[in-house]
Amino acid sequence: MDKEVLKLAIKGGYVIVGRLAGLVAGDWADCRILVTCEARIRAQHLVSTSGGSASGGKKFLQEAFKKIKARDKADRARYKKLYGLDLLNKNPYNLIIDNTKPSLKEIKNIVIKKVEDFLKNKNYG
């Protein structure tokens, strides 16, 4: 999949979304955006989307938080081993957006505005 992402990035004209897309596309990407979210919020989302209740069980929330943290640690080690990439390195990104508090609609508007501003500053629009 990562090879396909790179092919699309080289070809140009695509919006590519994925956990490693910004890193894989590298300098071929006009704009690389990292969307972050605190682990506790991601755990709440996991509980609520898996049929649980974020308020209905501290135990479920704690288990989800542990899973999120373990997955993050495993992914970081895997990407470091496979690609030599450190997921904690935010330097390759042009824009970093924290998705911890805003709603989906607010995030959409933030992303659109920041990308428009970025592209204007790069003389694309």
N, C-alpha and C. Protein backbone atom coordinates (compact mmCIF):
# COMPACT_ATOMS: atom_id res chain seq x y z
N MET A 1 0.82 -1.19 0.00
CA MET A 1 0.00 0.00 0.00
C MET A 1 0.87 1.26 0.00
N ASP A 2 1.95 1.21 0.76
CA ASP A 2 2.81 2.39 0.84
C ASP A 2 3.45 2.70 -0.52
N LYS A 3 3.76 1.68 -1.31
CA LYS A 3 4.30 1.89 -2.65
C LYS A 3 3.27 2.59 -3.54
N GLU A 4 2.00 2.20 -3.39
CA GLU A 4 0.93 2.83 -4.17
C GLU A 4 0.77 4.29 -3.77
N VAL A 5 0.88 4.58 -2.48
CA VAL A 5 0.80 5.97 -2.00
C VAL A 5 1.91 6.79 -2.64
N LEU A 6 3.12 6.24 -2.65
CA LEU A 6 4.24 6.95 -3.25
C LEU A 6 4.01 7.17 -4.75
N LYS A 7 3.50 6.18 -5.45
CA LYS A 7 3.21 6.33 -6.89
C LYS A 7 2.22 7.46 -7.13
N LEU A 8 1.17 7.52 -6.31
CA LEU A 8 0.17 8.58 -6.46
C LEU A 8 0.78 9.95 -6.15
N ALA A 9 1.63 10.00 -5.13
CA ALA A 9 2.27 11.26 -4.76
C ALA A 9 3.16 11.76 -5.90
N ILE A 10 3.90 10.86 -6.51
CA ILE A 10 4.78 11.23 -7.62
C ILE A 10 3.96 11.70 -8.81
N LYS A 11 2.86 11.02 -9.07
CA LYS A 11 1.98 11.39 -10.19
C LYS A 11 1.36 12.77 -9.97
N GLY A 12 0.98 13.04 -8.72
CA GLY A 12 0.42 14.35 -8.37
C GLY A 12 -1.07 14.44 -8.62
N GLY A 13 -1.69 15.46 -8.01
CA GLY A 13 -3.10 15.72 -8.22
C GLY A 13 -4.03 14.95 -7.30
N TYR A 14 -3.51 14.35 -6.25
CA TYR A 14 -4.32 13.53 -5.34
C TYR A 14 -4.26 14.08 -3.92
N VAL A 15 -5.34 13.84 -3.20
CA VAL A 15 -5.34 14.01 -1.76
C VAL A 15 -5.23 12.60 -1.20
N ILE A 16 -4.15 12.35 -0.48
CA ILE A 16 -3.88 11.01 0.03
C ILE A 16 -4.01 11.04 1.54
N VAL A 17 -4.84 10.16 2.07
CA VAL A 17 -5.10 10.11 3.50
C VAL A 17 -4.63 8.77 4.03
N GLY A 18 -3.88 8.80 5.11
CA GLY A 18 -3.44 7.56 5.73
C GLY A 18 -2.47 7.86 6.85
N ARG A 19 -2.27 6.88 7.68
CA ARG A 19 -1.43 7.07 8.85
C ARG A 19 0.00 7.46 8.47
N LEU A 20 0.53 6.88 7.41
CA LEU A 20 1.89 7.18 6.97
C LEU A 20 1.95 8.01 5.69
N ALA A 21 0.82 8.40 5.16
CA ALA A 21 0.78 9.04 3.84
C ALA A 21 1.71 10.24 3.75
N GLY A 22 1.70 11.11 4.74
CA GLY A 22 2.55 12.30 4.71
C GLY A 22 4.03 11.96 4.73
N LEU A 23 4.38 10.91 5.44
CA LEU A 23 5.78 10.50 5.51
C LEU A 23 6.20 9.76 4.25
N VAL A 24 5.33 8.89 3.76
CA VAL A 24 5.64 8.10 2.56
C VAL A 24 5.73 9.01 1.33
N ALA A 25 4.82 9.98 1.22
CA ALA A 25 4.81 10.87 0.06
C ALA A 25 6.03 11.80 0.06
N GLY A 26 6.54 12.08 1.25
CA GLY A 26 7.76 12.89 1.36
C GLY A 26 7.67 14.20 0.61
N ASP A 27 8.75 14.54 -0.09
CA ASP A 27 8.82 15.81 -0.80
C ASP A 27 7.90 15.88 -2.02
N TRP A 28 7.31 14.77 -2.40
CA TRP A 28 6.37 14.77 -3.51
C TRP A 28 5.05 15.41 -3.11
N ALA A 29 4.78 15.49 -1.84
CA ALA A 29 3.53 16.09 -1.36
C ALA A 29 3.67 17.61 -1.28
N ASP A 30 2.66 18.32 -1.76
CA ASP A 30 2.67 19.77 -1.65
C ASP A 30 2.42 20.21 -0.21
N CYS A 31 1.61 19.43 0.49
CA CYS A 31 1.25 19.78 1.87
C CYS A 31 1.07 18.48 2.65
N ARG A 32 1.75 18.38 3.77
CA ARG A 32 1.63 17.20 4.63
C ARG A 32 0.99 17.62 5.95
N ILE A 33 -0.15 17.01 6.24
CA ILE A 33 -0.92 17.37 7.43
C ILE A 33 -0.93 16.20 8.41
N LEU A 34 -0.65 16.49 9.65
CA LEU A 34 -0.73 15.50 10.72
C LEU A 34 -1.90 15.89 11.62
N VAL A 35 -2.83 14.97 11.79
CA VAL A 35 -3.95 15.19 12.70
C VAL A 35 -3.68 14.35 13.94
N THR A 36 -3.61 15.01 15.08
CA THR A 36 -3.33 14.32 16.34
C THR A 36 -4.56 14.34 17.23
N CYS A 37 -4.56 13.44 18.21
CA CYS A 37 -5.65 13.38 19.18
C CYS A 37 -5.11 12.67 20.42
N GLU A 38 -5.45 13.18 21.58
CA GLU A 38 -4.99 12.57 22.82
C GLU A 38 -5.50 11.13 22.93
N ALA A 39 -4.68 10.27 23.51
CA ALA A 39 -5.01 8.85 23.65
C ALA A 39 -6.31 8.64 24.43
N ARG A 40 -6.57 9.45 25.43
CA ARG A 40 -7.78 9.26 26.24
C ARG A 40 -9.04 9.53 25.40
N ILE A 41 -8.97 10.49 24.51
CA ILE A 41 -10.11 10.79 23.63
C ILE A 41 -10.27 9.68 22.60
N ARG A 42 -9.16 9.20 22.05
CA ARG A 42 -9.23 8.09 21.10
C ARG A 42 -9.81 6.85 21.79
N ALA A 43 -9.48 6.64 23.06
CA ALA A 43 -10.04 5.51 23.81
C ALA A 43 -11.55 5.69 23.98
N GLN A 44 -12.00 6.90 24.26
CA GLN A 44 -13.44 7.16 24.38
C GLN A 44 -14.15 6.87 23.07
N HIS A 45 -13.54 7.26 21.96
CA HIS A 45 -14.12 6.99 20.64
C HIS A 45 -14.19 5.50 20.38
N LEU A 46 -13.14 4.78 20.75
CA LEU A 46 -13.10 3.33 20.56
C LEU A 46 -14.23 2.66 21.34
N VAL A 47 -14.41 3.07 22.59
CA VAL A 47 -15.47 2.49 23.42
C VAL A 47 -16.84 2.80 22.83
N SER A 48 -17.05 4.05 22.41
CA SER A 48 -18.37 4.43 21.91
C SER A 48 -18.68 3.79 20.56
N THR A 49 -17.68 3.55 19.73
CA THR A 49 -17.93 2.94 18.41
C THR A 49 -17.97 1.42 18.46
N SER A 50 -17.55 0.85 19.58
CA SER A 50 -17.58 -0.61 19.69
C SER A 50 -18.78 -1.09 20.49
N GLY A 51 -19.79 -0.24 20.62
CA GLY A 51 -21.01 -0.64 21.29
C GLY A 51 -21.01 -0.41 22.79
N GLY A 52 -19.92 0.10 23.30
CA GLY A 52 -19.86 0.38 24.74
C GLY A 52 -20.33 1.79 25.02
N SER A 53 -20.20 2.19 26.23
CA SER A 53 -20.56 3.55 26.62
C SER A 53 -19.38 4.17 27.33
N ALA A 54 -18.96 5.33 26.84
CA ALA A 54 -17.81 6.00 27.44
C ALA A 54 -18.05 6.32 28.91
N SER A 55 -19.31 6.52 29.28
CA SER A 55 -19.59 6.83 30.68
C SER A 55 -20.05 5.59 31.44
N GLY A 56 -20.39 4.54 30.71
CA GLY A 56 -20.98 3.37 31.34
C GLY A 56 -20.00 2.38 31.94
N GLY A 57 -18.75 2.56 31.75
CA GLY A 57 -17.83 1.60 32.32
C GLY A 57 -16.40 2.06 32.31
N LYS A 58 -15.93 2.41 33.49
CA LYS A 58 -14.54 2.83 33.62
C LYS A 58 -13.59 1.72 33.17
N LYS A 59 -13.99 0.49 33.44
CA LYS A 59 -13.15 -0.66 33.09
C LYS A 59 -12.96 -0.74 31.57
N PHE A 60 -14.06 -0.57 30.81
CA PHE A 60 -13.96 -0.61 29.36
C PHE A 60 -13.08 0.52 28.83
N LEU A 61 -13.22 1.70 29.43
CA LEU A 61 -12.44 2.84 29.02
C LEU A 61 -10.96 2.62 29.32
N GLN A 62 -10.66 2.07 30.49
CA GLN A 62 -9.26 1.78 30.85
C GLN A 62 -8.66 0.74 29.91
N GLU A 63 -9.43 -0.28 29.56
CA GLU A 63 -8.96 -1.31 28.63
C GLU A 63 -8.70 -0.71 27.24
N ALA A 64 -9.60 0.16 26.80
CA ALA A 64 -9.44 0.79 25.50
C ALA A 64 -8.20 1.68 25.49
N PHE A 65 -7.98 2.41 26.58
CA PHE A 65 -6.80 3.27 26.69
C PHE A 65 -5.52 2.44 26.61
N LYS A 66 -5.50 1.31 27.31
CA LYS A 66 -4.33 0.42 27.27
C LYS A 66 -4.10 -0.10 25.86
N LYS A 67 -5.18 -0.47 25.16
CA LYS A 67 -5.06 -0.96 23.78
C LYS A 67 -4.50 0.12 22.86
N ILE A 68 -5.00 1.32 23.01
CA ILE A 68 -4.52 2.44 22.18
C ILE A 68 -3.03 2.67 22.42
N LYS A 69 -2.63 2.71 23.68
CA LYS A 69 -1.22 2.95 24.01
C LYS A 69 -0.34 1.82 23.48
N ALA A 70 -0.80 0.58 23.62
CA ALA A 70 -0.03 -0.57 23.13
C ALA A 70 0.07 -0.54 21.61
N ARG A 71 -1.02 -0.21 20.94
CA ARG A 71 -1.01 -0.14 19.47
C ARG A 71 -0.06 0.96 19.00
N ASP A 72 -0.10 2.11 19.66
CA ASP A 72 0.80 3.21 19.29
C ASP A 72 2.26 2.79 19.43
N LYS A 73 2.56 2.13 20.52
CA LYS A 73 3.94 1.69 20.79
C LYS A 73 4.38 0.65 19.74
N ALA A 74 3.50 -0.30 19.44
CA ALA A 74 3.82 -1.33 18.45
C ALA A 74 3.98 -0.73 17.06
N ASP A 75 3.09 0.18 16.70
CA ASP A 75 3.18 0.83 15.39
C ASP A 75 4.46 1.63 15.26
N ARG A 76 4.81 2.34 16.31
CA ARG A 76 6.04 3.14 16.28
C ARG A 76 7.26 2.24 16.06
N ALA A 77 7.30 1.11 16.77
CA ALA A 77 8.42 0.18 16.61
C ALA A 77 8.43 -0.44 15.21
N ARG A 78 7.25 -0.80 14.70
CA ARG A 78 7.16 -1.42 13.38
C ARG A 78 7.61 -0.46 12.28
N TYR A 79 7.14 0.78 12.32
CA TYR A 79 7.50 1.74 11.28
C TYR A 79 8.97 2.13 11.37
N LYS A 80 9.50 2.13 12.58
CA LYS A 80 10.93 2.41 12.76
C LYS A 80 11.75 1.28 12.12
N LYS A 81 11.33 0.04 12.35
CA LYS A 81 12.04 -1.12 11.82
C LYS A 81 11.91 -1.20 10.30
N LEU A 82 10.68 -1.05 9.78
CA LEU A 82 10.44 -1.20 8.34
C LEU A 82 11.00 -0.04 7.51
N TYR A 83 10.80 1.18 8.00
CA TYR A 83 11.08 2.35 7.18
C TYR A 83 12.12 3.30 7.78
N GLY A 84 12.49 3.06 9.03
CA GLY A 84 13.39 3.99 9.69
C GLY A 84 12.70 5.29 10.06
N LEU A 85 11.36 5.25 10.17
CA LEU A 85 10.57 6.44 10.47
C LEU A 85 10.19 6.48 11.95
N ASP A 86 10.24 7.66 12.51
CA ASP A 86 9.80 7.85 13.89
C ASP A 86 8.47 8.60 13.86
N LEU A 87 7.41 7.93 14.28
CA LEU A 87 6.08 8.55 14.25
C LEU A 87 5.97 9.77 15.16
N LEU A 88 6.88 9.93 16.09
CA LEU A 88 6.84 11.10 16.97
C LEU A 88 7.50 12.32 16.34
N ASN A 89 8.21 12.13 15.23
CA ASN A 89 8.87 13.23 14.54
C ASN A 89 7.83 14.00 13.73
N LYS A 90 7.58 15.22 14.12
CA LYS A 90 6.56 16.03 13.45
C LYS A 90 7.18 17.01 12.44
N ASN A 91 8.49 16.98 12.31
CA ASN A 91 9.17 17.91 11.40
C ASN A 91 8.74 17.80 9.94
N PRO A 92 8.43 16.61 9.41
CA PRO A 92 8.07 16.53 7.99
C PRO A 92 6.72 17.19 7.63
N TYR A 93 5.92 17.53 8.62
CA TYR A 93 4.57 18.03 8.36
C TYR A 93 4.54 19.54 8.23
N ASN A 94 3.74 20.00 7.28
CA ASN A 94 3.53 21.43 7.09
C ASN A 94 2.50 21.98 8.06
N LEU A 95 1.51 21.15 8.37
CA LEU A 95 0.43 21.55 9.26
C LEU A 95 0.18 20.45 10.29
N ILE A 96 0.00 20.85 11.53
CA ILE A 96 -0.35 19.90 12.59
C ILE A 96 -1.63 20.40 13.22
N ILE A 97 -2.64 19.52 13.24
CA ILE A 97 -3.96 19.89 13.77
C ILE A 97 -4.30 18.95 14.91
N ASP A 98 -4.60 19.52 16.06
CA ASP A 98 -4.98 18.73 17.23
C ASP A 98 -6.49 18.51 17.19
N ASN A 99 -6.89 17.25 17.07
CA ASN A 99 -8.30 16.87 16.96
C ASN A 99 -8.89 16.46 18.31
N THR A 100 -8.26 16.83 19.40
CA THR A 100 -8.72 16.40 20.72
C THR A 100 -10.06 17.03 21.09
N LYS A 101 -10.23 18.31 20.84
CA LYS A 101 -11.44 18.99 21.31
C LYS A 101 -12.47 19.32 20.23
N PRO A 102 -12.07 19.73 19.03
CA PRO A 102 -13.08 20.15 18.05
C PRO A 102 -13.96 19.01 17.56
N SER A 103 -15.14 19.39 17.09
CA SER A 103 -16.05 18.43 16.47
C SER A 103 -15.54 18.12 15.06
N LEU A 104 -16.12 17.10 14.44
CA LEU A 104 -15.74 16.73 13.08
C LEU A 104 -15.96 17.91 12.12
N LYS A 105 -17.08 18.60 12.28
CA LYS A 105 -17.38 19.75 11.42
C LYS A 105 -16.34 20.86 11.63
N GLU A 106 -15.99 21.10 12.89
CA GLU A 106 -14.98 22.13 13.18
C GLU A 106 -13.63 21.75 12.58
N ILE A 107 -13.26 20.48 12.71
CA ILE A 107 -11.98 20.01 12.14
C ILE A 107 -11.97 20.20 10.64
N LYS A 108 -13.08 19.83 9.99
CA LYS A 108 -13.18 19.99 8.53
C LYS A 108 -12.93 21.45 8.15
N ASN A 109 -13.56 22.38 8.85
CA ASN A 109 -13.38 23.80 8.55
C ASN A 109 -11.96 24.26 8.83
N ILE A 110 -11.36 23.77 9.91
CA ILE A 110 -9.98 24.12 10.25
C ILE A 110 -9.03 23.64 9.15
N VAL A 111 -9.21 22.39 8.73
CA VAL A 111 -8.33 21.83 7.70
C VAL A 111 -8.47 22.61 6.40
N ILE A 112 -9.70 22.87 5.97
CA ILE A 112 -9.91 23.61 4.73
C ILE A 112 -9.24 24.98 4.80
N LYS A 113 -9.46 25.69 5.88
CA LYS A 113 -8.87 27.03 6.04
C LYS A 113 -7.35 26.97 6.05
N LYS A 114 -6.78 26.04 6.81
CA LYS A 114 -5.32 25.96 6.90
C LYS A 114 -4.70 25.54 5.58
N VAL A 115 -5.33 24.63 4.86
CA VAL A 115 -4.79 24.22 3.56
C VAL A 115 -4.90 25.37 2.57
N GLU A 116 -6.02 26.08 2.57
CA GLU A 116 -6.16 27.24 1.67
C GLU A 116 -5.07 28.26 1.96
N ASP A 117 -4.85 28.57 3.25
CA ASP A 117 -3.81 29.53 3.63
C ASP A 117 -2.43 29.04 3.21
N PHE A 118 -2.17 27.75 3.44
CA PHE A 118 -0.88 27.17 3.09
C PHE A 118 -0.64 27.28 1.58
N LEU A 119 -1.64 26.91 0.79
CA LEU A 119 -1.48 26.94 -0.66
C LEU A 119 -1.35 28.37 -1.19
N LYS A 120 -2.06 29.31 -0.59
CA LYS A 120 -1.92 30.71 -0.99
C LYS A 120 -0.49 31.19 -0.72
N ASN A 121 0.04 30.84 0.44
CA ASN A 121 1.40 31.23 0.80
C ASN A 121 2.45 30.57 -0.09
N LYS A 122 2.10 29.42 -0.68
CA LYS A 122 3.01 28.72 -1.60
C LYS A 122 2.77 29.15 -3.04
N ASN A 123 1.88 30.14 -3.22
CA ASN A 123 1.54 30.68 -4.54
C ASN A 123 0.86 29.66 -5.45
N TYR A 124 -0.01 28.81 -4.86
CA TYR A 124 -0.79 27.86 -5.65
C TYR A 124 -2.18 28.42 -5.97
N GLY A 125 -2.59 29.47 -5.29
CA GLY A 125 -3.96 29.92 -5.51
C GLY A 125 -4.15 31.38 -5.37
